[in-house]
Amino acid sequence: QVRLVESGGGLVQPGGSLRLSCAAFGIVFETNIMGWYRQTPGNQRELVASISSSGDINYADFVKGRFTISRDNAKLTVYLQMNSVKPEDAGVYYCNAEGEYTKRQRWGQGTLVTISS
């Protein structure tokens, strides 16, 4: 059974840091592009960052220089290190796995990030 399980969300102050994790089950992790998406009320889900199995990384402009995505293929886990967070970074963060060959999409249940002082 395929599952993507996010963790690490919570409340953080502006300027603070948070680390999200996503553990993958039931997929061939090494052949999936792993990504983090964000959704806020009334808006579509948007890409935050993605990383391929070979380590190619893509960041949304609004997180460049602040967020870092990484993956550990041995642990079947992808991470999102969020630094210097801003109020507009708040939202539900979803883990995504896209098969590099099949293009099949899988989603986690989401983890809520709240930015508040």
Protein backbone atom coordinates (compact mmCIF):
# COMPACT_ATOMS: atom_id res chain seq x y z
CA GLN A 1 0.00 0.00 0.00
CA VAL A 2 1.38 3.36 -1.04
CA ARG A 3 1.64 5.94 1.69
CA LEU A 4 3.43 9.26 2.08
CA VAL A 5 3.51 10.32 5.70
CA GLU A 6 4.45 13.90 6.51
CA SER A 7 5.59 15.16 9.88
CA GLY A 8 7.23 18.19 11.40
CA GLY A 9 4.57 20.81 10.90
CA GLY A 10 3.54 23.12 13.68
CA LEU A 11 3.72 26.64 14.98
CA VAL A 12 6.81 28.73 14.34
CA GLN A 13 7.56 32.40 14.77
CA PRO A 14 8.42 34.63 11.83
CA GLY A 15 12.13 34.34 11.17
CA GLY A 16 12.25 30.90 12.73
CA SER A 17 12.96 27.46 11.30
CA LEU A 18 11.07 24.25 10.82
CA ARG A 19 11.96 20.91 9.27
CA LEU A 20 9.37 18.83 7.49
CA SER A 21 9.83 15.13 6.80
CA CYS A 22 8.01 12.76 4.48
CA ALA A 23 8.43 9.03 4.77
CA ALA A 24 7.44 6.95 1.76
CA PHE A 25 5.97 3.47 1.88
CA GLY A 26 5.07 1.17 -0.97
CA ILE A 27 6.84 3.00 -3.79
CA VAL A 28 10.17 2.55 -5.49
CA PHE A 29 11.58 5.66 -3.89
CA GLU A 30 14.62 5.86 -6.13
CA THR A 31 12.51 6.24 -9.28
CA ASN A 32 10.33 9.03 -7.96
CA ILE A 33 10.72 12.76 -8.07
CA MET A 34 9.87 13.91 -4.56
CA GLY A 35 8.35 17.27 -3.94
CA TRP A 36 6.74 19.57 -1.42
CA TYR A 37 3.65 21.57 -2.27
CA ARG A 38 1.82 24.19 -0.27
CA GLN A 39 -1.85 25.06 -0.17
CA THR A 40 -3.54 27.97 1.55
CA PRO A 41 -7.29 28.58 1.89
CA GLY A 42 -8.86 29.59 -1.39
CA ASN A 43 -5.73 28.89 -3.40
CA GLN A 44 -4.47 26.05 -5.52
CA ARG A 45 -1.76 23.78 -4.38
CA GLU A 46 1.60 25.18 -5.51
CA LEU A 47 5.04 23.69 -5.84
CA VAL A 48 7.52 24.68 -3.16
CA ALA A 49 10.45 22.45 -4.10
CA SER A 50 11.23 19.17 -5.80
CA ILE A 51 14.19 16.83 -6.02
CA SER A 52 14.82 14.05 -8.50
CA SER A 53 16.47 10.76 -7.77
CA SER A 54 19.68 12.10 -9.28
CA GLY A 55 19.56 15.17 -7.06
CA ASP A 56 18.26 17.76 -9.51
CA ILE A 57 16.48 20.39 -7.44
CA ASN A 58 13.84 22.93 -8.31
CA TYR A 59 12.67 25.71 -5.98
CA ALA A 60 9.81 28.13 -6.24
CA ASP A 61 11.09 31.69 -6.40
CA PHE A 62 9.39 32.59 -3.13
CA VAL A 63 11.52 30.10 -1.14
CA LYS A 64 14.87 30.34 -2.90
CA GLY A 65 17.65 31.01 -0.42
CA ARG A 66 15.44 30.13 2.56
CA PHE A 67 14.23 26.56 2.10
CA THR A 68 16.29 23.46 1.35
CA ILE A 69 14.94 20.18 0.03
CA SER A 70 16.88 16.96 0.45
CA ARG A 71 16.27 13.26 0.24
CA ASP A 72 17.68 10.16 1.86
CA ASN A 73 17.14 7.24 -0.47
CA ALA A 74 18.25 4.75 2.18
CA LYS A 75 15.58 6.01 4.58
CA LEU A 76 12.96 6.57 1.85
CA THR A 77 12.48 10.06 3.21
CA VAL A 78 12.43 13.55 1.80
CA TYR A 79 12.96 16.66 3.91
CA LEU A 80 12.18 20.33 3.68
CA GLN A 81 14.27 22.61 5.84
CA MET A 82 12.45 25.90 6.22
CA ASN A 83 14.52 28.84 7.45
CA SER A 84 13.72 32.52 7.85
CA VAL A 85 10.04 31.74 7.55
CA LYS A 86 7.58 34.48 6.72
CA PRO A 87 3.88 34.77 7.54
CA GLU A 88 3.07 33.98 3.91
CA ASP A 89 4.80 30.61 4.25
CA ALA A 90 1.91 29.36 6.35
CA GLY A 91 -0.30 26.66 4.91
CA VAL A 92 -0.73 22.94 4.55
CA TYR A 93 2.38 21.33 3.14
CA TYR A 94 1.91 18.21 1.08
CA CYS A 95 4.48 15.63 0.12
CA ASN A 96 4.31 14.45 -3.47
CA ALA A 97 5.87 11.54 -5.31
CA GLU A 98 5.88 11.52 -9.08
CA GLY A 99 7.13 8.48 -10.93
CA GLU A 100 9.97 9.56 -13.17
CA TYR A 101 8.84 7.14 -15.87
CA THR A 102 5.16 6.57 -15.12
CA LYS A 103 4.42 10.20 -14.11
CA ARG A 104 1.99 8.77 -11.56
CA GLN A 105 1.29 11.16 -8.71
CA ARG A 106 0.94 10.21 -5.06
CA TRP A 107 0.15 12.60 -2.22
CA GLY A 108 0.52 12.65 1.52
CA GLN A 109 -2.19 13.81 3.87
CA GLY A 110 -0.52 17.16 4.52
CA THR A 111 1.01 18.82 7.53
CA LEU A 112 -0.03 22.24 8.78
CA VAL A 113 2.53 25.01 9.18
CA THR A 114 1.43 28.05 11.14
CA ILE A 115 3.53 31.19 11.29
CA SER A 116 2.73 33.47 14.18
CA SER A 117 4.44 35.47 16.86
